[in-house]
C-alpha atoms as a PDB file:
ATOM      1  CA  UNK A   1     205.259-124.815 -82.057  1.00  0.00           C
ATOM      2  CA  UNK A   2     203.950-121.164 -81.352  1.00  0.00           C
ATOM      3  CA  UNK A   3     200.470-122.281 -82.405  1.00  0.00           C
ATOM      4  CA  UNK A   4     200.550-124.949 -79.699  1.00  0.00           C
ATOM      5  CA  UNK A   5     201.916-122.768 -76.848  1.00  0.00           C
ATOM      6  CA  UNK A   6     198.940-120.194 -77.885  1.00  0.00           C
ATOM      7  CA  UNK A   7     196.379-122.729 -77.762  1.00  0.00           C
ATOM      8  CA  UNK A   8     197.560-124.029 -74.282  1.00  0.00           C
ATOM      9  CA  UNK A   9     197.745-120.389 -73.058  1.00  0.00           C
ATOM     10  CA  UNK A  10     194.122-119.656 -74.414  1.00  0.00           C
ATOM     11  CA  UNK A  11     192.632-123.170 -72.679  1.00  0.00           C
ATOM     12  CA  UNK A  12     194.215-122.196 -69.383  1.00  0.00           C
ATOM     13  CA  UNK A  13     192.807-118.650 -69.359  1.00  0.00           C
ATOM     14  CA  UNK A  14     189.346-119.910 -70.617  1.00  0.00           C
ATOM     15  CA  UNK A  15     189.571-122.591 -67.761  1.00  0.00           C
ATOM     16  CA  UNK A  16     190.567-119.899 -65.258  1.00  0.00           C
ATOM     17  CA  UNK A  17     187.610-117.791 -66.360  1.00  0.00           C
ATOM     18  CA  UNK A  18     185.238-120.995 -65.916  1.00  0.00           C
ATOM     19  CA  UNK A  19     186.303-121.407 -62.231  1.00  0.00           C
ATOM     20  CA  UNK A  20     185.908-117.718 -61.558  1.00  0.00           C
ATOM     21  CA  UNK A  21     182.436-117.760 -62.818  1.00  0.00           C
ATOM     22  CA  UNK A  22     181.740-120.924 -60.708  1.00  0.00           C
ATOM     23  CA  UNK A  23     183.050-119.151 -57.523  1.00  0.00           C
ATOM     24  CA  UNK A  24     181.255-116.198 -57.998  1.00  0.00           C
ATOM     25  CA  UNK A  25     177.813-118.024 -58.552  1.00  0.00           C
ATOM     26  CA  UNK A  26     178.297-119.499 -55.069  1.00  0.00           C
ATOM     27  CA  UNK A  27     178.658-116.171 -53.379  1.00  0.00           C
ATOM     28  CA  UNK A  28     175.112-115.670 -53.851  1.00  0.00           C
ATOM     29  CA  UNK A  29     172.929-115.248 -50.680  1.00  0.00           C
ATOM     30  CA  UNK A  30     171.631-118.522 -49.169  1.00  0.00           C
ATOM     31  CA  UNK A  31     168.060-117.490 -49.153  1.00  0.00           C
ATOM     32  CA  UNK A  32     166.246-115.015 -51.591  1.00  0.00           C
ATOM     33  CA  UNK A  33     162.901-114.358 -50.569  1.00  0.00           C
ATOM     34  CA  UNK A  34     160.401-112.264 -52.912  1.00  0.00           C
ATOM     35  CA  UNK A  35     156.680-111.596 -52.306  1.00  0.00           C
ATOM     36  CA  UNK A  36     154.624-113.220 -54.946  1.00  0.00           C
ATOM     37  CA  UNK A  37     151.128-112.330 -54.078  1.00  0.00           C
ATOM     38  CA  UNK A  38     149.153-110.976 -51.121  1.00  0.00           C
ATOM     39  CA  UNK A  39     145.928-112.533 -52.093  1.00  0.00           C
ATOM     40  CA  UNK A  40     144.507-115.773 -50.579  1.00  0.00           C
ATOM     41  CA  UNK A  41     146.458-118.006 -50.689  1.00  0.00           C
ATOM     42  CA  UNK A  42     149.454-116.002 -49.640  1.00  0.00           C
ATOM     43  CA  UNK A  43     152.463-117.220 -51.581  1.00  0.00           C
ATOM     44  CA  UNK A  44     156.169-116.538 -51.283  1.00  0.00           C
ATOM     45  CA  UNK A  45     158.956-117.683 -53.619  1.00  0.00           C
ATOM     46  CA  UNK A  46     162.471-118.540 -52.497  1.00  0.00           C
ATOM     47  CA  UNK A  47     165.471-119.630 -54.267  1.00  0.00           C
ATOM     48  CA  UNK A  48     168.268-121.786 -53.028  1.00  0.00           C
ATOM     49  CA  UNK A  49     171.402-121.444 -55.088  1.00  0.00           C
ATOM     50  CA  UNK A  50     173.032-124.913 -53.853  1.00  0.00           C
ATOM     51  CA  UNK A  51     171.909-127.831 -52.284  1.00  0.00           C
ATOM     52  CA  UNK A  52     170.939-127.060 -48.506  1.00  0.00           C
ATOM     53  CA  UNK A  53     168.398-128.208 -45.704  1.00  0.00           C
ATOM     54  CA  UNK A  54     165.916-125.696 -45.078  1.00  0.00           C
ATOM     55  CA  UNK A  55     164.290-125.477 -41.788  1.00  0.00           C
ATOM     56  CA  UNK A  56     160.882-123.851 -41.415  1.00  0.00           C
ATOM     57  CA  UNK A  57     159.419-123.135 -37.888  1.00  0.00           C
ATOM     58  CA  UNK A  58     155.697-122.231 -38.466  1.00  0.00           C
ATOM     59  CA  UNK A  59     154.026-120.408 -35.359  1.00  0.00           C
ATOM     60  CA  UNK A  60     150.254-119.630 -36.134  1.00  0.00           C
ATOM     61  CA  UNK A  61     149.026-117.173 -33.515  1.00  0.00           C
ATOM     62  CA  UNK A  62     145.082-118.185 -33.956  1.00  0.00           C
ATOM     63  CA  UNK A  63     143.000-121.115 -33.414  1.00  0.00           C
ATOM     64  CA  UNK A  64     141.761-122.087 -37.042  1.00  0.00           C
ATOM     65  CA  UNK A  65     143.479-124.924 -39.214  1.00  0.00           C
ATOM     66  CA  UNK A  66     145.332-123.668 -42.102  1.00  0.00           C
ATOM     67  CA  UNK A  67     147.261-125.474 -44.842  1.00  0.00           C
ATOM     68  CA  UNK A  68     150.828-125.210 -45.527  1.00  0.00           C
ATOM     69  CA  UNK A  69     152.121-126.439 -48.895  1.00  0.00           C
ATOM     70  CA  UNK A  70     155.720-126.079 -50.219  1.00  0.00           C
ATOM     71  CA  UNK A  71     155.727-126.335 -54.038  1.00  0.00           C
ATOM     72  CA  UNK A  72     158.847-126.880 -56.513  1.00  0.00           C
ATOM     73  CA  UNK A  73     158.998-124.636 -59.678  1.00  0.00           C
ATOM     74  CA  UNK A  74     157.230-127.300 -61.678  1.00  0.00           C
ATOM     75  CA  UNK A  75     154.162-126.970 -59.383  1.00  0.00           C
ATOM     76  CA  UNK A  76     154.655-130.348 -57.601  1.00  0.00           C
ATOM     77  CA  UNK A  77     153.885-130.131 -53.813  1.00  0.00           C
ATOM     78  CA  UNK A  78     156.724-131.736 -51.812  1.00  0.00           C
ATOM     79  CA  UNK A  79     154.984-130.739 -48.649  1.00  0.00           C
ATOM     80  CA  UNK A  80     151.157-130.338 -48.050  1.00  0.00           C
ATOM     81  CA  UNK A  81     150.160-130.250 -44.523  1.00  0.00           C
ATOM     82  CA  UNK A  82     147.082-129.068 -42.511  1.00  0.00           C
ATOM     83  CA  UNK A  83     148.166-127.390 -39.584  1.00  0.00           C
ATOM     84  CA  UNK A  84     146.182-126.941 -36.485  1.00  0.00           C
ATOM     85  CA  UNK A  85     146.048-123.144 -35.161  1.00  0.00           C
ATOM     86  CA  UNK A  86     148.124-122.487 -31.844  1.00  0.00           C
ATOM     87  CA  UNK A  87     150.453-125.346 -32.510  1.00  0.00           C
ATOM     88  CA  UNK A  88     154.076-124.783 -33.634  1.00  0.00           C
ATOM     89  CA  UNK A  89     155.446-126.916 -36.238  1.00  0.00           C
ATOM     90  CA  UNK A  90     158.887-127.595 -37.670  1.00  0.00           C
ATOM     91  CA  UNK A  91     159.667-128.872 -41.186  1.00  0.00           C
ATOM     92  CA  UNK A  92     163.043-129.893 -42.829  1.00  0.00           C
ATOM     93  CA  UNK A  93     163.311-129.776 -46.479  1.00  0.00           C
ATOM     94  CA  UNK A  94     166.288-130.686 -48.843  1.00  0.00           C
ATOM     95  CA  UNK A  95     166.157-127.908 -51.314  1.00  0.00           C
ATOM     96  CA  UNK A  96     167.963-126.802 -54.501  1.00  0.00           C
ATOM     97  CA  UNK A  97     166.323-124.293 -56.811  1.00  0.00           C
ATOM     98  CA  UNK A  98     163.174-122.343 -56.782  1.00  0.00           C
ATOM     99  CA  UNK A  99     160.219-123.055 -54.394  1.00  0.00           C
ATOM    100  CA  UNK A 100     157.031-121.392 -53.358  1.00  0.00           C
ATOM    101  CA  UNK A 101     155.657-121.234 -49.836  1.00  0.00           C
ATOM    102  CA  UNK A 102     151.831-121.353 -49.963  1.00  0.00           C
ATOM    103  CA  UNK A 103     149.592-120.699 -46.889  1.00  0.00           C
ATOM    104  CA  UNK A 104     145.613-120.975 -46.915  1.00  0.00           C
ATOM    105  CA  UNK A 105     144.651-118.906 -44.002  1.00  0.00           C
ATOM    106  CA  UNK A 106     142.212-116.568 -42.995  1.00  0.00           C
ATOM    107  CA  UNK A 107     145.066-113.962 -42.092  1.00  0.00           C
ATOM    108  CA  UNK A 108     148.513-115.186 -42.866  1.00  0.00           C
ATOM    109  CA  UNK A 109     150.181-112.184 -41.096  1.00  0.00           C
ATOM    110  CA  UNK A 110     149.139-113.840 -37.866  1.00  0.00           C
ATOM    111  CA  UNK A 111     151.462-117.058 -38.790  1.00  0.00           C
ATOM    112  CA  UNK A 112     154.990-116.242 -37.968  1.00  0.00           C
ATOM    113  CA  UNK A 113     157.319-118.232 -40.287  1.00  0.00           C
ATOM    114  CA  UNK A 114     161.222-118.566 -39.533  1.00  0.00           C
ATOM    115  CA  UNK A 115     163.157-120.011 -42.418  1.00  0.00           C
ATOM    116  CA  UNK A 116     166.923-120.929 -41.527  1.00  0.00           C
ATOM    117  CA  UNK A 117     166.675-118.312 -38.775  1.00  0.00           C
ATOM    118  CA  UNK A 118     165.202-115.588 -41.063  1.00  0.00           C
ATOM    119  CA  UNK A 119     161.586-114.498 -40.535  1.00  0.00           C
ATOM    120  CA  UNK A 120     159.459-114.486 -43.742  1.00  0.00           C
ATOM    121  CA  UNK A 121     157.079-111.348 -43.554  1.00  0.00           C
ATOM    122  CA  UNK A 122     153.616-111.847 -45.154  1.00  0.00           C
END
């Protein structure tokens, strides 16, 4: 009888610890930006810890056409667009996991990117 009670207490504690771990993992910030490279193409890696819709607002400040790609962690491009300079563009992505934002432009610092109301600095 004592063994059954001890096993029940152990299982309850174990399940409680699992619930706490899950809750702590959801407290992570929505977006974590990390510079991957400052050579052309310019890359930024970002992570989404849970399903979310990501809104990108791209504002180039030059006239040349440039390429924007959003890559999944396996390298597959989920978005690949040529964007004309001096034209703002909005893109929505359903995301979960690690992604890379790739810009192929003469000077990525002349492109202002807002991701879910946070500015990405190149």
